[in-house]
């Protein structure tokens, strides 16, 4: 087994990652969440376009709508847990990547 496979297995077996996968199953099979995700994506596109064309009043309307949908999503208990776990795992990966870079630079610059 090579190092990349070992690292991948290590991360996939973390309790946080296992829970993320479990919650993704709930999210993927929840029509309400999927509908809200689709609305968020649509609003994000509209926000980008409004900002790109310097339509700041329209951008504010879209941003308010975006925040309202996000709040609605955050009211779903396991969705909030899912987002928190994603942030935790992301931070773990960032720290891990930094550690690898540091060790590689140390070996290269000997």
PDB file of N, CA and C in Angstrom:
ATOM      1  N   UNK A   1       0.853  -1.174   0.000  1.00  0.00           N
ATOM      2  CA  UNK A   1       0.000   0.000   0.000  1.00  0.00           C
ATOM      3  C   UNK A   1       0.900   1.239   0.000  1.00  0.00           C
ATOM      4  N   UNK A   2       0.651   2.171  -0.935  1.00  0.00           N
ATOM      5  CA  UNK A   2       1.509   3.352  -1.008  1.00  0.00           C
ATOM      6  C   UNK A   2       1.066   4.415  -0.006  1.00  0.00           C
ATOM      7  N   UNK A   3       1.885   5.452   0.138  1.00  0.00           N
ATOM      8  CA  UNK A   3       1.634   6.501   1.131  1.00  0.00           C
ATOM      9  C   UNK A   3       0.335   7.252   0.871  1.00  0.00           C
ATOM     10  N   UNK A   4       0.028   7.510  -0.396  1.00  0.00           N
ATOM     11  CA  UNK A   4      -1.193   8.244  -0.732  1.00  0.00           C
ATOM     12  C   UNK A   4      -2.423   7.441  -0.315  1.00  0.00           C
ATOM     13  N   UNK A   5      -2.409   6.158  -0.568  1.00  0.00           N
ATOM     14  CA  UNK A   5      -3.528   5.298  -0.184  1.00  0.00           C
ATOM     15  C   UNK A   5      -3.668   5.251   1.333  1.00  0.00           C
ATOM     16  N   UNK A   6      -2.540   5.191   2.033  1.00  0.00           N
ATOM     17  CA  UNK A   6      -2.583   5.179   3.499  1.00  0.00           C
ATOM     18  C   UNK A   6      -3.190   6.474   4.036  1.00  0.00           C
ATOM     19  N   UNK A   7      -2.787   7.594   3.466  1.00  0.00           N
ATOM     20  CA  UNK A   7      -3.323   8.890   3.901  1.00  0.00           C
ATOM     21  C   UNK A   7      -4.822   8.983   3.620  1.00  0.00           C
ATOM     22  N   UNK A   8      -5.186   8.536   2.434  1.00  0.00           N
ATOM     23  CA  UNK A   8      -6.602   8.561   2.058  1.00  0.00           C
ATOM     24  C   UNK A   8      -7.419   7.700   3.015  1.00  0.00           C
ATOM     25  N   UNK A   9      -6.935   6.503   3.311  1.00  0.00           N
ATOM     26  CA  UNK A   9      -7.631   5.616   4.245  1.00  0.00           C
ATOM     27  C   UNK A   9      -7.708   6.231   5.634  1.00  0.00           C
ATOM     28  N   UNK A  10      -6.610   6.871   6.063  1.00  0.00           N
ATOM     29  CA  UNK A  10      -6.582   7.517   7.370  1.00  0.00           C
ATOM     30  C   UNK A  10      -7.688   8.572   7.462  1.00  0.00           C
ATOM     31  N   UNK A  11      -7.762   9.454   6.473  1.00  0.00           N
ATOM     32  CA  UNK A  11      -8.770  10.510   6.501  1.00  0.00           C
ATOM     33  C   UNK A  11     -10.188   9.961   6.358  1.00  0.00           C
ATOM     34  N   UNK A  12     -10.359   8.964   5.526  1.00  0.00           N
ATOM     35  CA  UNK A  12     -11.699   8.387   5.354  1.00  0.00           C
ATOM     36  C   UNK A  12     -12.191   7.674   6.603  1.00  0.00           C
ATOM     37  N   UNK A  13     -11.272   7.282   7.477  1.00  0.00           N
ATOM     38  CA  UNK A  13     -11.658   6.586   8.702  1.00  0.00           C
ATOM     39  C   UNK A  13     -11.774   7.504   9.913  1.00  0.00           C
ATOM     40  N   UNK A  14     -11.529   8.787   9.733  1.00  0.00           N
ATOM     41  CA  UNK A  14     -11.733   9.727  10.830  1.00  0.00           C
ATOM     42  C   UNK A  14     -13.220   9.767  11.172  1.00  0.00           C
ATOM     43  N   UNK A  15     -13.564   9.843  12.458  1.00  0.00           N
ATOM     44  CA  UNK A  15     -14.986   9.888  12.829  1.00  0.00           C
ATOM     45  C   UNK A  15     -15.732  11.055  12.186  1.00  0.00           C
ATOM     46  N   UNK A  16     -15.051  12.189  12.051  1.00  0.00           N
ATOM     47  CA  UNK A  16     -15.693  13.352  11.440  1.00  0.00           C
ATOM     48  C   UNK A  16     -16.039  13.097   9.974  1.00  0.00           C
ATOM     49  N   UNK A  17     -15.136  12.458   9.261  1.00  0.00           N
ATOM     50  CA  UNK A  17     -15.368  12.172   7.841  1.00  0.00           C
ATOM     51  C   UNK A  17     -16.460  11.116   7.687  1.00  0.00           C
ATOM     52  N   UNK A  18     -16.437  10.118   8.541  1.00  0.00           N
ATOM     53  CA  UNK A  18     -17.497   9.096   8.487  1.00  0.00           C
ATOM     54  C   UNK A  18     -18.860   9.727   8.721  1.00  0.00           C
ATOM     55  N   UNK A  19     -18.923  10.649   9.681  1.00  0.00           N
ATOM     56  CA  UNK A  19     -20.195  11.319   9.967  1.00  0.00           C
ATOM     57  C   UNK A  19     -20.633  12.192   8.794  1.00  0.00           C
ATOM     58  N   UNK A  20     -19.673  12.864   8.142  1.00  0.00           N
ATOM     59  CA  UNK A  20     -19.992  13.670   6.964  1.00  0.00           C
ATOM     60  C   UNK A  20     -20.642  12.802   5.899  1.00  0.00           C
ATOM     61  N   UNK A  21     -20.059  11.638   5.650  1.00  0.00           N
ATOM     62  CA  UNK A  21     -20.620  10.734   4.636  1.00  0.00           C
ATOM     63  C   UNK A  21     -22.026  10.280   5.020  1.00  0.00           C
ATOM     64  N   UNK A  22     -22.234  10.020   6.298  1.00  0.00           N
ATOM     65  CA  UNK A  22     -23.554   9.621   6.773  1.00  0.00           C
ATOM     66  C   UNK A  22     -24.567  10.747   6.554  1.00  0.00           C
ATOM     67  N   UNK A  23     -24.170  11.968   6.914  1.00  0.00           N
ATOM     68  CA  UNK A  23     -25.062  13.112   6.753  1.00  0.00           C
ATOM     69  C   UNK A  23     -25.319  13.424   5.283  1.00  0.00           C
ATOM     70  N   UNK A  24     -24.335  13.195   4.426  1.00  0.00           N
ATOM     71  CA  UNK A  24     -24.524  13.412   2.990  1.00  0.00           C
ATOM     72  C   UNK A  24     -25.637  12.518   2.457  1.00  0.00           C
ATOM     73  N   UNK A  25     -25.741  11.319   3.000  1.00  0.00           N
ATOM     74  CA  UNK A  25     -26.831  10.424   2.598  1.00  0.00           C
ATOM     75  C   UNK A  25     -28.185  11.027   2.921  1.00  0.00           C
ATOM     76  N   UNK A  26     -28.303  11.616   4.114  1.00  0.00           N
ATOM     77  CA  UNK A  26     -29.556  12.266   4.493  1.00  0.00           C
ATOM     78  C   UNK A  26     -29.828  13.471   3.602  1.00  0.00           C
ATOM     79  N   UNK A  27     -28.809  14.245   3.355  1.00  0.00           N
ATOM     80  CA  UNK A  27     -28.955  15.465   2.556  1.00  0.00           C
ATOM     81  C   UNK A  27     -29.340  15.122   1.121  1.00  0.00           C
ATOM     82  N   UNK A  28     -28.649  14.156   0.538  1.00  0.00           N
ATOM     83  CA  UNK A  28     -28.921  13.772  -0.854  1.00  0.00           C
ATOM     84  C   UNK A  28     -30.341  13.251  -1.048  1.00  0.00           C
ATOM     85  N   UNK A  29     -30.896  12.655   0.003  1.00  0.00           N
ATOM     86  CA  UNK A  29     -32.234  12.062  -0.110  1.00  0.00           C
ATOM     87  C   UNK A  29     -33.330  12.947   0.480  1.00  0.00           C
ATOM     88  N   UNK A  30     -33.005  14.195   0.754  1.00  0.00           N
ATOM     89  CA  UNK A  30     -33.988  15.104   1.338  1.00  0.00           C
ATOM     90  C   UNK A  30     -34.407  16.132   0.290  1.00  0.00           C
ATOM     91  N   UNK A  31     -35.629  16.011  -0.252  1.00  0.00           N
ATOM     92  CA  UNK A  31     -36.071  16.914  -1.312  1.00  0.00           C
ATOM     93  C   UNK A  31     -36.079  18.383  -0.893  1.00  0.00           C
ATOM     94  N   UNK A  32     -36.418  18.650   0.374  1.00  0.00           N
ATOM     95  CA  UNK A  32     -36.456  20.040   0.834  1.00  0.00           C
ATOM     96  C   UNK A  32     -35.061  20.668   0.775  1.00  0.00           C
ATOM     97  N   UNK A  33     -34.071  19.930   1.260  1.00  0.00           N
ATOM     98  CA  UNK A  33     -32.699  20.452   1.241  1.00  0.00           C
ATOM     99  C   UNK A  33     -32.228  20.635  -0.192  1.00  0.00           C
ATOM    100  N   UNK A  34     -32.507  19.685  -1.045  1.00  0.00           N
ATOM    101  CA  UNK A  34     -32.087  19.804  -2.441  1.00  0.00           C
ATOM    102  C   UNK A  34     -32.735  21.000  -3.121  1.00  0.00           C
ATOM    103  N   UNK A  35     -33.997  21.239  -2.800  1.00  0.00           N
ATOM    104  CA  UNK A  35     -34.684  22.404  -3.359  1.00  0.00           C
ATOM    105  C   UNK A  35     -34.026  23.702  -2.863  1.00  0.00           C
ATOM    106  N   UNK A  36     -33.693  23.741  -1.578  1.00  0.00           N
ATOM    107  CA  UNK A  36     -33.039  24.930  -1.029  1.00  0.00           C
ATOM    108  C   UNK A  36     -31.648  25.124  -1.631  1.00  0.00           C
ATOM    109  N   UNK A  37     -30.910  24.027  -1.830  1.00  0.00           N
ATOM    110  CA  UNK A  37     -29.601  24.112  -2.492  1.00  0.00           C
ATOM    111  C   UNK A  37     -29.737  24.694  -3.895  1.00  0.00           C
ATOM    112  N   UNK A  38     -30.728  24.204  -4.630  1.00  0.00           N
ATOM    113  CA  UNK A  38     -30.935  24.711  -5.988  1.00  0.00           C
ATOM    114  C   UNK A  38     -31.255  26.200  -5.971  1.00  0.00           C
ATOM    115  N   UNK A  39     -32.078  26.612  -5.016  1.00  0.00           N
ATOM    116  CA  UNK A  39     -32.394  28.037  -4.890  1.00  0.00           C
ATOM    117  C   UNK A  39     -31.131  28.841  -4.562  1.00  0.00           C
ATOM    118  N   UNK A  40     -30.312  28.309  -3.638  1.00  0.00           N
ATOM    119  CA  UNK A  40     -29.065  29.006  -3.284  1.00  0.00           C
ATOM    120  C   UNK A  40     -28.160  29.180  -4.496  1.00  0.00           C
ATOM    121  N   UNK A  41     -27.994  28.125  -5.268  1.00  0.00           N
ATOM    122  CA  UNK A  41     -27.143  28.207  -6.465  1.00  0.00           C
ATOM    123  C   UNK A  41     -27.670  29.243  -7.439  1.00  0.00           C
ATOM    124  N   UNK A  42     -28.977  29.249  -7.639  1.00  0.00           N
ATOM    125  CA  UNK A  42     -29.594  30.212  -8.549  1.00  0.00           C
ATOM    126  C   UNK A  42     -29.375  31.644  -8.055  1.00  0.00           C
ATOM    127  N   UNK A  43     -29.592  31.869  -6.768  1.00  0.00           N
ATOM    128  CA  UNK A  43     -29.406  33.207  -6.193  1.00  0.00           C
ATOM    129  C   UNK A  43     -27.942  33.621  -6.285  1.00  0.00           C
ATOM    130  N   UNK A  44     -27.022  32.690  -6.048  1.00  0.00           N
ATOM    131  CA  UNK A  44     -25.592  33.018  -6.142  1.00  0.00           C
ATOM    132  C   UNK A  44     -25.240  33.507  -7.544  1.00  0.00           C
ATOM    133  N   UNK A  45     -25.764  32.829  -8.556  1.00  0.00           N
ATOM    134  CA  UNK A  45     -25.507  33.256  -9.935  1.00  0.00           C
ATOM    135  C   UNK A  45     -26.044  34.657 -10.167  1.00  0.00           C
ATOM    136  N   UNK A  46     -27.253  34.906  -9.668  1.00  0.00           N
ATOM    137  CA  UNK A  46     -27.843  36.236  -9.835  1.00  0.00           C
ATOM    138  C   UNK A  46     -27.037  37.298  -9.093  1.00  0.00           C
ATOM    139  N   UNK A  47     -26.527  36.947  -7.913  1.00  0.00           N
ATOM    140  CA  UNK A  47     -25.707  37.887  -7.146  1.00  0.00           C
ATOM    141  C   UNK A  47     -24.432  38.243  -7.916  1.00  0.00           C
ATOM    142  N   UNK A  48     -23.784  37.228  -8.472  1.00  0.00           N
ATOM    143  CA  UNK A  48     -22.551  37.452  -9.231  1.00  0.00           C
ATOM    144  C   UNK A  48     -22.832  38.351 -10.428  1.00  0.00           C
ATOM    145  N   UNK A  49     -23.903  38.055 -11.156  1.00  0.00           N
ATOM    146  CA  UNK A  49     -24.248  38.869 -12.327  1.00  0.00           C
ATOM    147  C   UNK A  49     -24.574  40.307 -11.934  1.00  0.00           C
ATOM    148  N   UNK A  50     -25.338  40.481 -10.860  1.00  0.00           N
ATOM    149  CA  UNK A  50     -25.697  41.831 -10.425  1.00  0.00           C
ATOM    150  C   UNK A  50     -24.443  42.613 -10.031  1.00  0.00           C
ATOM    151  N   UNK A  51     -23.528  41.957  -9.335  1.00  0.00           N
ATOM    152  CA  UNK A  51     -22.289  42.639  -8.935  1.00  0.00           C
ATOM    153  C   UNK A  51     -21.432  42.946 -10.159  1.00  0.00           C
ATOM    154  N   UNK A  52     -21.373  41.999 -11.091  1.00  0.00           N
ATOM    155  CA  UNK A  52     -20.575  42.174 -12.306  1.00  0.00           C
ATOM    156  C   UNK A  52     -21.066  43.367 -13.122  1.00  0.00           C
ATOM    157  N   UNK A  53     -22.373  43.554 -13.165  1.00  0.00           N
ATOM    158  CA  UNK A  53     -22.941  44.653 -13.941  1.00  0.00           C
ATOM    159  C   UNK A  53     -23.228  45.882 -13.076  1.00  0.00           C
ATOM    160  N   UNK A  54     -22.641  45.882 -11.876  1.00  0.00           N
ATOM    161  CA  UNK A  54     -22.709  47.018 -10.960  1.00  0.00           C
ATOM    162  C   UNK A  54     -24.160  47.411 -10.626  1.00  0.00           C
ATOM    163  N   UNK A  55     -25.004  46.421 -10.456  1.00  0.00           N
ATOM    164  CA  UNK A  55     -26.400  46.633 -10.073  1.00  0.00           C
ATOM    165  C   UNK A  55     -26.520  46.375  -8.564  1.00  0.00           C
ATOM    166  N   UNK A  56     -26.026  47.327  -7.782  1.00  0.00           N
ATOM    167  CA  UNK A  56     -25.879  47.114  -6.357  1.00  0.00           C
ATOM    168  C   UNK A  56     -27.217  46.986  -5.617  1.00  0.00           C
ATOM    169  N   UNK A  57     -28.239  47.694  -6.057  1.00  0.00           N
ATOM    170  CA  UNK A  57     -29.549  47.551  -5.414  1.00  0.00           C
ATOM    171  C   UNK A  57     -30.093  46.138  -5.612  1.00  0.00           C
ATOM    172  N   UNK A  58     -29.980  45.637  -6.838  1.00  0.00           N
ATOM    173  CA  UNK A  58     -30.446  44.281  -7.125  1.00  0.00           C
ATOM    174  C   UNK A  58     -29.582  43.258  -6.387  1.00  0.00           C
ATOM    175  N   UNK A  59     -28.291  43.521  -6.306  1.00  0.00           N
ATOM    176  CA  UNK A  59     -27.379  42.638  -5.578  1.00  0.00           C
ATOM    177  C   UNK A  59     -27.835  42.513  -4.120  1.00  0.00           C
ATOM    178  N   UNK A  60     -28.184  43.631  -3.501  1.00  0.00           N
ATOM    179  CA  UNK A  60     -28.635  43.614  -2.101  1.00  0.00           C
ATOM    180  C   UNK A  60     -29.911  42.786  -1.949  1.00  0.00           C
ATOM    181  N   UNK A  61     -30.833  42.914  -2.892  1.00  0.00           N
ATOM    182  CA  UNK A  61     -32.067  42.122  -2.847  1.00  0.00           C
ATOM    183  C   UNK A  61     -31.726  40.633  -2.898  1.00  0.00           C
ATOM    184  N   UNK A  62     -30.839  40.257  -3.810  1.00  0.00           N
ATOM    185  CA  UNK A  62     -30.436  38.852  -3.938  1.00  0.00           C
ATOM    186  C   UNK A  62     -29.698  38.380  -2.687  1.00  0.00           C
ATOM    187  N   UNK A  63     -28.832  39.223  -2.163  1.00  0.00           N
ATOM    188  CA  UNK A  63     -28.072  38.843  -0.969  1.00  0.00           C
ATOM    189  C   UNK A  63     -29.011  38.600   0.213  1.00  0.00           C
ATOM    190  N   UNK A  64     -30.009  39.450   0.381  1.00  0.00           N
ATOM    191  CA  UNK A  64     -30.990  39.248   1.450  1.00  0.00           C
ATOM    192  C   UNK A  64     -31.735  37.930   1.270  1.00  0.00           C
ATOM    193  N   UNK A  65     -32.102  37.634   0.040  1.00  0.00           N
ATOM    194  CA  UNK A  65     -32.793  36.380  -0.260  1.00  0.00           C
ATOM    195  C   UNK A  65     -31.869  35.181   0.019  1.00  0.00           C
ATOM    196  N   UNK A  66     -30.608  35.323  -0.348  1.00  0.00           N
ATOM    197  CA  UNK A  66     -29.603  34.285  -0.105  1.00  0.00           C
ATOM    198  C   UNK A  66     -29.484  34.004   1.394  1.00  0.00           C
ATOM    199  N   UNK A  67     -29.372  35.052   2.191  1.00  0.00           N
ATOM    200  CA  UNK A  67     -29.237  34.903   3.639  1.00  0.00           C
ATOM    201  C   UNK A  67     -30.471  34.237   4.240  1.00  0.00           C
ATOM    202  N   UNK A  68     -31.635  34.580   3.726  1.00  0.00           N
ATOM    203  CA  UNK A  68     -32.880  33.985   4.210  1.00  0.00           C
ATOM    204  C   UNK A  68     -32.882  32.471   3.957  1.00  0.00           C
ATOM    205  N   UNK A  69     -32.445  32.070   2.778  1.00  0.00           N
ATOM    206  CA  UNK A  69     -32.403  30.635   2.442  1.00  0.00           C
ATOM    207  C   UNK A  69     -31.356  29.929   3.296  1.00  0.00           C
ATOM    208  N   UNK A  70     -30.210  30.570   3.505  1.00  0.00           N
ATOM    209  CA  UNK A  70     -29.173  29.976   4.361  1.00  0.00           C
ATOM    210  C   UNK A  70     -29.692  29.762   5.779  1.00  0.00           C
ATOM    211  N   UNK A  71     -30.429  30.742   6.292  1.00  0.00           N
ATOM    212  CA  UNK A  71     -30.989  30.598   7.636  1.00  0.00           C
ATOM    213  C   UNK A  71     -31.974  29.433   7.682  1.00  0.00           C
ATOM    214  N   UNK A  72     -32.745  29.286   6.625  1.00  0.00           N
ATOM    215  CA  UNK A  72     -33.699  28.177   6.553  1.00  0.00           C
ATOM    216  C   UNK A  72     -32.958  26.836   6.558  1.00  0.00           C
ATOM    217  N   UNK A  73     -31.861  26.756   5.827  1.00  0.00           N
ATOM    218  CA  UNK A  73     -31.052  25.538   5.827  1.00  0.00           C
ATOM    219  C   UNK A  73     -30.462  25.273   7.208  1.00  0.00           C
ATOM    220  N   UNK A  74     -29.979  26.325   7.858  1.00  0.00           N
ATOM    221  CA  UNK A  74     -29.351  26.161   9.169  1.00  0.00           C
ATOM    222  C   UNK A  74     -30.332  25.738  10.255  1.00  0.00           C
ATOM    223  N   UNK A  75     -31.611  25.881   9.999  1.00  0.00           N
ATOM    224  CA  UNK A  75     -32.621  25.424  10.952  1.00  0.00           C
ATOM    225  C   UNK A  75     -32.780  23.908  10.927  1.00  0.00           C
ATOM    226  N   UNK A  76     -32.241  23.274   9.906  1.00  0.00           N
ATOM    227  CA  UNK A  76     -32.284  21.816   9.808  1.00  0.00           C
ATOM    228  C   UNK A  76     -31.101  21.287  10.624  1.00  0.00           C
ATOM    229  N   UNK A  77     -31.381  20.585  11.745  1.00  0.00           N
ATOM    230  CA  UNK A  77     -30.310  20.232  12.698  1.00  0.00           C
ATOM    231  C   UNK A  77     -29.110  19.522  12.074  1.00  0.00           C
ATOM    232  N   UNK A  78     -29.323  18.502  11.299  1.00  0.00           N
ATOM    233  CA  UNK A  78     -28.170  17.766  10.779  1.00  0.00           C
ATOM    234  C   UNK A  78     -27.434  18.537   9.697  1.00  0.00           C
ATOM    235  N   UNK A  79     -28.086  19.498   9.059  1.00  0.00           N
ATOM    236  CA  UNK A  79     -27.399  20.321   8.070  1.00  0.00           C
ATOM    237  C   UNK A  79     -26.357  21.209   8.760  1.00  0.00           C
ATOM    238  N   UNK A  80     -26.735  21.792   9.872  1.00  0.00           N
ATOM    239  CA  UNK A  80     -25.801  22.633  10.621  1.00  0.00           C
ATOM    240  C   UNK A  80     -24.603  21.802  11.085  1.00  0.00           C
ATOM    241  N   UNK A  81     -24.864  20.603  11.570  1.00  0.00           N
ATOM    242  CA  UNK A  81     -23.792  19.699  11.981  1.00  0.00           C
ATOM    243  C   UNK A  81     -22.885  19.384  10.789  1.00  0.00           C
ATOM    244  N   UNK A  82     -23.482  19.143   9.643  1.00  0.00           N
ATOM    245  CA  UNK A  82     -22.744  18.832   8.417  1.00  0.00           C
ATOM    246  C   UNK A  82     -21.789  19.971   8.058  1.00  0.00           C
ATOM    247  N   UNK A  83     -22.283  21.204   8.081  1.00  0.00           N
ATOM    248  CA  UNK A  83     -21.457  22.365   7.741  1.00  0.00           C
ATOM    249  C   UNK A  83     -20.314  22.521   8.744  1.00  0.00           C
ATOM    250  N   UNK A  84     -20.610  22.331  10.018  1.00  0.00           N
ATOM    251  CA  UNK A  84     -19.567  22.434  11.045  1.00  0.00           C
ATOM    252  C   UNK A  84     -18.488  21.373  10.843  1.00  0.00           C
ATOM    253  N   UNK A  85     -18.910  20.160  10.536  1.00  0.00           N
ATOM    254  CA  UNK A  85     -17.948  19.082  10.307  1.00  0.00           C
ATOM    255  C   UNK A  85     -17.098  19.351   9.061  1.00  0.00           C
ATOM    256  N   UNK A  86     -17.714  19.898   8.021  1.00  0.00           N
ATOM    257  CA  UNK A  86     -16.946  20.243   6.820  1.00  0.00           C
ATOM    258  C   UNK A  86     -15.841  21.245   7.155  1.00  0.00           C
ATOM    259  N   UNK A  87     -16.170  22.223   7.977  1.00  0.00           N
ATOM    260  CA  UNK A  87     -15.173  23.226   8.373  1.00  0.00           C
ATOM    261  C   UNK A  87     -14.059  22.594   9.196  1.00  0.00           C
ATOM    262  N   UNK A  88     -14.410  21.705  10.111  1.00  0.00           N
ATOM    263  CA  UNK A  88     -13.412  21.026  10.937  1.00  0.00           C
ATOM    264  C   UNK A  88     -12.464  20.209  10.067  1.00  0.00           C
ATOM    265  N   UNK A  89     -13.027  19.413   9.169  1.00  0.00           N
ATOM    266  CA  UNK A  89     -12.204  18.552   8.305  1.00  0.00           C
ATOM    267  C   UNK A  89     -11.365  19.406   7.356  1.00  0.00           C
ATOM    268  N   UNK A  90     -11.934  20.484   6.851  1.00  0.00           N
ATOM    269  CA  UNK A  90     -11.180  21.377   5.980  1.00  0.00           C
ATOM    270  C   UNK A  90      -9.971  21.946   6.722  1.00  0.00           C
ATOM    271  N   UNK A  91     -10.173  22.384   7.956  1.00  0.00           N
ATOM    272  CA  UNK A  91      -9.058  22.902   8.757  1.00  0.00           C
ATOM    273  C   UNK A  91      -8.007  21.827   9.018  1.00  0.00           C
ATOM    274  N   UNK A  92      -8.463  20.606   9.258  1.00  0.00           N
ATOM    275  CA  UNK A  92      -7.531  19.505   9.462  1.00  0.00           C
ATOM    276  C   UNK A  92      -6.677  19.290   8.210  1.00  0.00           C
ATOM    277  N   UNK A  93      -7.316  19.329   7.051  1.00  0.00           N
ATOM    278  CA  UNK A  93      -6.590  19.132   5.793  1.00  0.00           C
ATOM    279  C   UNK A  93      -5.611  20.269   5.530  1.00  0.00           C
ATOM    280  N   UNK A  94      -6.014  21.490   5.830  1.00  0.00           N
ATOM    281  CA  UNK A  94      -5.123  22.641   5.646  1.00  0.00           C
ATOM    282  C   UNK A  94      -3.900  22.497   6.545  1.00  0.00           C
ATOM    283  N   UNK A  95      -4.127  22.143   7.798  1.00  0.00           N
ATOM    284  CA  UNK A  95      -3.007  21.961   8.734  1.00  0.00           C
ATOM    285  C   UNK A  95      -2.108  20.812   8.304  1.00  0.00           C
ATOM    286  N   UNK A  96      -2.715  19.744   7.873  1.00  0.00           N
ATOM    287  CA  UNK A  96      -1.946  18.590   7.425  1.00  0.00           C
ATOM    288  C   UNK A  96      -1.099  18.947   6.202  1.00  0.00           C
ATOM    289  N   UNK A  97      -1.687  19.665   5.271  1.00  0.00           N
ATOM    290  CA  UNK A  97      -0.965  20.096   4.069  1.00  0.00           C
ATOM    291  C   UNK A  97       0.205  20.993   4.447  1.00  0.00           C
ATOM    292  N   UNK A  98      -0.011  21.886   5.380  1.00  0.00           N
ATOM    293  CA  UNK A  98       1.070  22.777   5.840  1.00  0.00           C
ATOM    294  C   UNK A  98       2.205  21.974   6.464  1.00  0.00           C
ATOM    295  N   UNK A  99       1.854  20.975   7.251  1.00  0.00           N
ATOM    296  CA  UNK A  99       2.874  20.117   7.866  1.00  0.00           C
ATOM    297  C   UNK A  99       3.693  19.392   6.808  1.00  0.00           C
ATOM    298  N   UNK A 100       3.024  18.874   5.788  1.00  0.00           N
ATOM    299  CA  UNK A 100       3.739  18.171   4.713  1.00  0.00           C
ATOM    300  C   UNK A 100       4.667  19.135   3.981  1.00  0.00           C
ATOM    301  N   UNK A 101       4.171  20.324   3.658  1.00  0.00           N
ATOM    302  CA  UNK A 101       5.001  21.321   2.971  1.00  0.00           C
ATOM    303  C   UNK A 101       6.216  21.689   3.809  1.00  0.00           C
ATOM    304  N   UNK A 102       6.018  21.870   5.093  1.00  0.00           N
ATOM    305  CA  UNK A 102       7.116  22.226   5.989  1.00  0.00           C
ATOM    306  C   UNK A 102       8.180  21.133   5.986  1.00  0.00           C
ATOM    307  N   UNK A 103       7.744  19.894   6.135  1.00  0.00           N
ATOM    308  CA  UNK A 103       8.702  18.781   6.167  1.00  0.00           C
ATOM    309  C   UNK A 103       9.428  18.623   4.831  1.00  0.00           C
ATOM    310  N   UNK A 104       8.706  18.799   3.729  1.00  0.00           N
ATOM    311  CA  UNK A 104       9.353  18.703   2.419  1.00  0.00           C
ATOM    312  C   UNK A 104      10.374  19.817   2.234  1.00  0.00           C
ATOM    313  N   UNK A 105      10.004  21.032   2.593  1.00  0.00           N
ATOM    314  CA  UNK A 105      10.940  22.150   2.473  1.00  0.00           C
ATOM    315  C   UNK A 105      12.167  21.959   3.355  1.00  0.00           C
ATOM    316  N   UNK A 106      11.963  21.383   4.513  1.00  0.00           N
ATOM    317  CA  UNK A 106      13.083  21.105   5.417  1.00  0.00           C
ATOM    318  C   UNK A 106      14.063  20.126   4.773  1.00  0.00           C
ATOM    319  N   UNK A 107      13.525  19.101   4.142  1.00  0.00           N
ATOM    320  CA  UNK A 107      14.396  18.102   3.495  1.00  0.00           C
ATOM    321  C   UNK A 107      15.071  18.668   2.257  1.00  0.00           C
ATOM    322  N   UNK A 108      14.349  19.478   1.503  1.00  0.00           N
ATOM    323  CA  UNK A 108      14.907  20.049   0.276  1.00  0.00           C
ATOM    324  C   UNK A 108      15.994  21.055   0.586  1.00  0.00           C
ATOM    325  N   UNK A 109      15.823  21.825   1.643  1.00  0.00           N
ATOM    326  CA  UNK A 109      16.758  22.906   1.964  1.00  0.00           C
ATOM    327  C   UNK A 109      17.860  22.521   2.933  1.00  0.00           C
ATOM    328  N   UNK A 110      18.121  21.269   3.102  1.00  0.00           N
ATOM    329  CA  UNK A 110      19.204  20.815   3.989  1.00  0.00           C
ATOM    330  C   UNK A 110      20.537  21.230   3.482  1.00  0.00           C
TER     331      UNK A 110
END
